[in-house]
C-alpha atoms as a PDB file:
ATOM      1  CA  MET A   1    -112.933  86.229 -70.661  1.00  0.00           C
ATOM      2  CA  LYS A   2    -112.883  89.004 -68.073  1.00  0.00           C
ATOM      3  CA  ARG A   3    -111.901  91.552 -70.729  1.00  0.00           C
ATOM      4  CA  PHE A   4    -114.782  90.432 -72.955  1.00  0.00           C
ATOM      5  CA  LEU A   5    -117.316  90.717 -70.119  1.00  0.00           C
ATOM      6  CA  ILE A   6    -116.094  94.195 -69.198  1.00  0.00           C
ATOM      7  CA  SER A   7    -116.306  95.312 -72.842  1.00  0.00           C
ATOM      8  CA  TRP A   8    -119.803  93.886 -73.097  1.00  0.00           C
ATOM      9  CA  ALA A   9    -120.924  95.648 -69.907  1.00  0.00           C
ATOM     10  CA  VAL A  10    -119.427  98.961 -71.047  1.00  0.00           C
ATOM     11  CA  MET A  11    -121.168  98.673 -74.433  1.00  0.00           C
ATOM     12  CA  THR A  12    -124.477  97.855 -72.723  1.00  0.00           C
ATOM     13  CA  VAL A  13    -124.235 100.909 -70.464  1.00  0.00           C
ATOM     14  CA  ALA A  14    -123.227 103.078 -73.436  1.00  0.00           C
ATOM     15  CA  ILE A  15    -126.285 102.002 -75.437  1.00  0.00           C
ATOM     16  CA  LEU A  16    -128.469 102.587 -72.361  1.00  0.00           C
ATOM     17  CA  VAL A  17    -127.119 106.142 -71.999  1.00  0.00           C
ATOM     18  CA  VAL A  18    -127.536 106.862 -75.713  1.00  0.00           C
ATOM     19  CA  ALA A  19    -131.116 105.535 -75.689  1.00  0.00           C
ATOM     20  CA  TYR A  20    -131.820 107.976 -72.860  1.00  0.00           C
ATOM     21  CA  LEU A  21    -130.189 110.905 -74.694  1.00  0.00           C
ATOM     22  CA  VAL A  22    -131.373 110.388 -78.273  1.00  0.00           C
ATOM     23  CA  ASP A  23    -135.020 110.618 -79.192  1.00  0.00           C
ATOM     24  CA  GLY A  24    -135.667 107.858 -81.702  1.00  0.00           C
ATOM     25  CA  ILE A  25    -133.592 105.147 -80.019  1.00  0.00           C
ATOM     26  CA  ARG A  26    -135.668 102.966 -77.720  1.00  0.00           C
ATOM     27  CA  TYR A  27    -135.405  99.595 -76.028  1.00  0.00           C
ATOM     28  CA  ASP A  28    -138.075  97.374 -74.513  1.00  0.00           C
ATOM     29  CA  SER A  29    -136.075  95.589 -71.821  1.00  0.00           C
ATOM     30  CA  LEU A  30    -132.655  95.147 -70.292  1.00  0.00           C
ATOM     31  CA  GLU A  31    -132.481  91.807 -72.092  1.00  0.00           C
ATOM     32  CA  SER A  32    -132.846  93.496 -75.481  1.00  0.00           C
ATOM     33  CA  LEU A  33    -130.142  96.011 -74.504  1.00  0.00           C
ATOM     34  CA  VAL A  34    -127.752  93.215 -73.554  1.00  0.00           C
ATOM     35  CA  LYS A  35    -128.475  91.381 -76.811  1.00  0.00           C
ATOM     36  CA  ALA A  36    -127.988  94.566 -78.841  1.00  0.00           C
ATOM     37  CA  SER A  37    -124.630  95.277 -77.222  1.00  0.00           C
ATOM     38  CA  LEU A  38    -123.488  91.716 -77.922  1.00  0.00           C
ATOM     39  CA  VAL A  39    -124.570  91.878 -81.575  1.00  0.00           C
ATOM     40  CA  LEU A  40    -122.982  95.317 -82.022  1.00  0.00           C
ATOM     41  CA  GLY A  41    -119.740  94.059 -80.500  1.00  0.00           C
ATOM     42  CA  ILE A  42    -119.676  91.040 -82.804  1.00  0.00           C
ATOM     43  CA  LEU A  43    -120.425  93.188 -85.863  1.00  0.00           C
ATOM     44  CA  ASN A  44    -117.684  95.642 -84.893  1.00  0.00           C
ATOM     45  CA  LEU A  45    -115.247  92.777 -84.451  1.00  0.00           C
ATOM     46  CA  LEU A  46    -116.044  90.720 -87.546  1.00  0.00           C
ATOM     47  CA  VAL A  47    -117.951  92.764 -90.142  1.00  0.00           C
ATOM     48  CA  ARG A  48    -116.708  96.330 -89.651  1.00  0.00           C
ATOM     49  CA  PRO A  49    -113.068  95.629 -90.681  1.00  0.00           C
ATOM     50  CA  VAL A  50    -114.245  94.047 -93.943  1.00  0.00           C
ATOM     51  CA  LEU A  51    -116.584  96.958 -94.651  1.00  0.00           C
ATOM     52  CA  ILE A  52    -113.818  99.453 -93.909  1.00  0.00           C
ATOM     53  CA  LEU A  53    -111.581  97.707 -96.404  1.00  0.00           C
ATOM     54  CA  LEU A  54    -114.304  97.563 -99.062  1.00  0.00           C
ATOM     55  CA  THR A  55    -115.181 101.245 -98.644  1.00  0.00           C
ATOM     56  CA  LEU A  56    -111.614 102.501 -98.302  1.00  0.00           C
ATOM     57  CA  PRO A  57    -111.690 104.666-101.467  1.00  0.00           C
ATOM     58  CA  LEU A  58    -114.865 106.407-100.280  1.00  0.00           C
ATOM     59  CA  THR A  59    -113.415 106.820 -96.800  1.00  0.00           C
ATOM     60  CA  ILE A  60    -110.291 108.431 -98.259  1.00  0.00           C
ATOM     61  CA  LEU A  61    -112.346 110.752-100.492  1.00  0.00           C
ATOM     62  CA  THR A  62    -114.372 111.929 -97.494  1.00  0.00           C
ATOM     63  CA  PHE A  63    -111.317 112.263 -95.237  1.00  0.00           C
ATOM     64  CA  GLY A  64    -112.632 109.528 -92.957  1.00  0.00           C
ATOM     65  CA  LEU A  65    -116.100 110.986 -92.495  1.00  0.00           C
ATOM     66  CA  PHE A  66    -117.666 108.005 -94.251  1.00  0.00           C
ATOM     67  CA  LEU A  67    -116.728 105.914 -91.199  1.00  0.00           C
ATOM     68  CA  PHE A  68    -119.472 107.745 -89.274  1.00  0.00           C
ATOM     69  CA  ILE A  69    -121.993 106.570 -91.869  1.00  0.00           C
ATOM     70  CA  LEU A  70    -120.584 103.048 -91.737  1.00  0.00           C
ATOM     71  CA  ASN A  71    -120.883 102.937 -87.938  1.00  0.00           C
ATOM     72  CA  GLY A  72    -124.421 104.293 -88.210  1.00  0.00           C
ATOM     73  CA  VAL A  73    -125.377 101.620 -90.736  1.00  0.00           C
ATOM     74  CA  LEU A  74    -124.092  98.901 -88.390  1.00  0.00           C
ATOM     75  CA  PHE A  75    -125.989 100.457 -85.477  1.00  0.00           C
ATOM     76  CA  TYR A  76    -129.152 100.700 -87.602  1.00  0.00           C
ATOM     77  CA  PHE A  77    -128.696  97.066 -88.614  1.00  0.00           C
ATOM     78  CA  VAL A  78    -128.549  96.074 -84.933  1.00  0.00           C
ATOM     79  CA  GLY A  79    -131.821  97.934 -84.398  1.00  0.00           C
ATOM     80  CA  ASN A  80    -133.446  95.899 -87.154  1.00  0.00           C
ATOM     81  CA  LEU A  81    -131.843  92.619 -86.131  1.00  0.00           C
ATOM     82  CA  VAL A  82    -132.435  92.597 -82.367  1.00  0.00           C
ATOM     83  CA  GLU A  83    -136.035  92.382 -81.239  1.00  0.00           C
ATOM     84  CA  GLY A  84    -136.839  95.035 -78.643  1.00  0.00           C
ATOM     85  CA  ILE A  85    -134.494  97.714 -80.010  1.00  0.00           C
ATOM     86  CA  GLN A  86    -135.979 100.465 -82.166  1.00  0.00           C
ATOM     87  CA  ILE A  87    -133.931 102.996 -84.122  1.00  0.00           C
ATOM     88  CA  ALA A  88    -136.112 105.492 -85.966  1.00  0.00           C
ATOM     89  CA  SER A  89    -133.889 106.329 -88.940  1.00  0.00           C
ATOM     90  CA  LEU A  90    -130.412 106.064 -90.393  1.00  0.00           C
ATOM     91  CA  GLU A  91    -129.751 109.654 -89.291  1.00  0.00           C
ATOM     92  CA  THR A  92    -130.678 108.707 -85.734  1.00  0.00           C
ATOM     93  CA  ALA A  93    -128.461 105.626 -86.007  1.00  0.00           C
ATOM     94  CA  VAL A  94    -125.452 107.695 -87.122  1.00  0.00           C
ATOM     95  CA  MET A  95    -125.955 110.100 -84.216  1.00  0.00           C
ATOM     96  CA  GLY A  96    -126.411 107.157 -81.856  1.00  0.00           C
ATOM     97  CA  ALA A  97    -123.289 105.383 -83.121  1.00  0.00           C
ATOM     98  CA  VAL A  98    -121.177 108.509 -82.620  1.00  0.00           C
ATOM     99  CA  LEU A  99    -122.533 108.930 -79.102  1.00  0.00           C
ATOM    100  CA  VAL A 100    -122.021 105.227 -78.281  1.00  0.00           C
ATOM    101  CA  SER A 101    -118.364 105.648 -79.278  1.00  0.00           C
ATOM    102  CA  ILE A 102    -117.984 108.742 -77.098  1.00  0.00           C
ATOM    103  CA  VAL A 103    -119.760 107.209 -74.090  1.00  0.00           C
ATOM    104  CA  THR A 104    -117.760 103.981 -74.439  1.00  0.00           C
ATOM    105  CA  TRP A 105    -114.524 105.972 -74.499  1.00  0.00           C
ATOM    106  CA  ILE A 106    -115.570 107.963 -71.404  1.00  0.00           C
ATOM    107  CA  LEU A 107    -116.610 104.821 -69.503  1.00  0.00           C
ATOM    108  CA  ASN A 108    -113.354 103.065 -70.390  1.00  0.00           C
ATOM    109  CA  LYS A 109    -111.389 106.068 -69.088  1.00  0.00           C
ATOM    110  CA  MET A 110    -113.468 106.123 -65.895  1.00  0.00           C
ATOM    111  CA  ILE A 111    -112.742 102.470 -65.110  1.00  0.00           C
ATOM    112  CA  GLY A 112    -109.113 102.740 -66.167  1.00  0.00           C
ATOM    113  CA  ARG A 113    -109.301 100.518 -69.259  1.00  0.00           C
ATOM    114  CA  LYS A 114    -106.814 101.147 -72.007  1.00  0.00           C
ATOM    115  CA  GLU A 115    -108.143 100.372 -75.477  1.00  0.00           C
END
């Protein structure tokens, strides 16, 4: 349970940082940020592996670059699913998803988490 809560907090902070850095990603409240990080975590845990498997040929053809698009689509979906989170476009979502991954990695290194 502790590991889950830490992951959730890290994801929430990462989305907060990315919303500050990227024009086109906005949130209305801390509550919407927390909900968005929870939904994104669940999608990454349950849906992303299935999508990776289904798009494997395309991922291979693009030398893995399609995974950036896939992550962006999931991030964009979160923006449409969670009330209070606005993501302007798919392009913005792809940029945001890449930055969320980078910020999450940095935060995990800062707190000494090994993922």
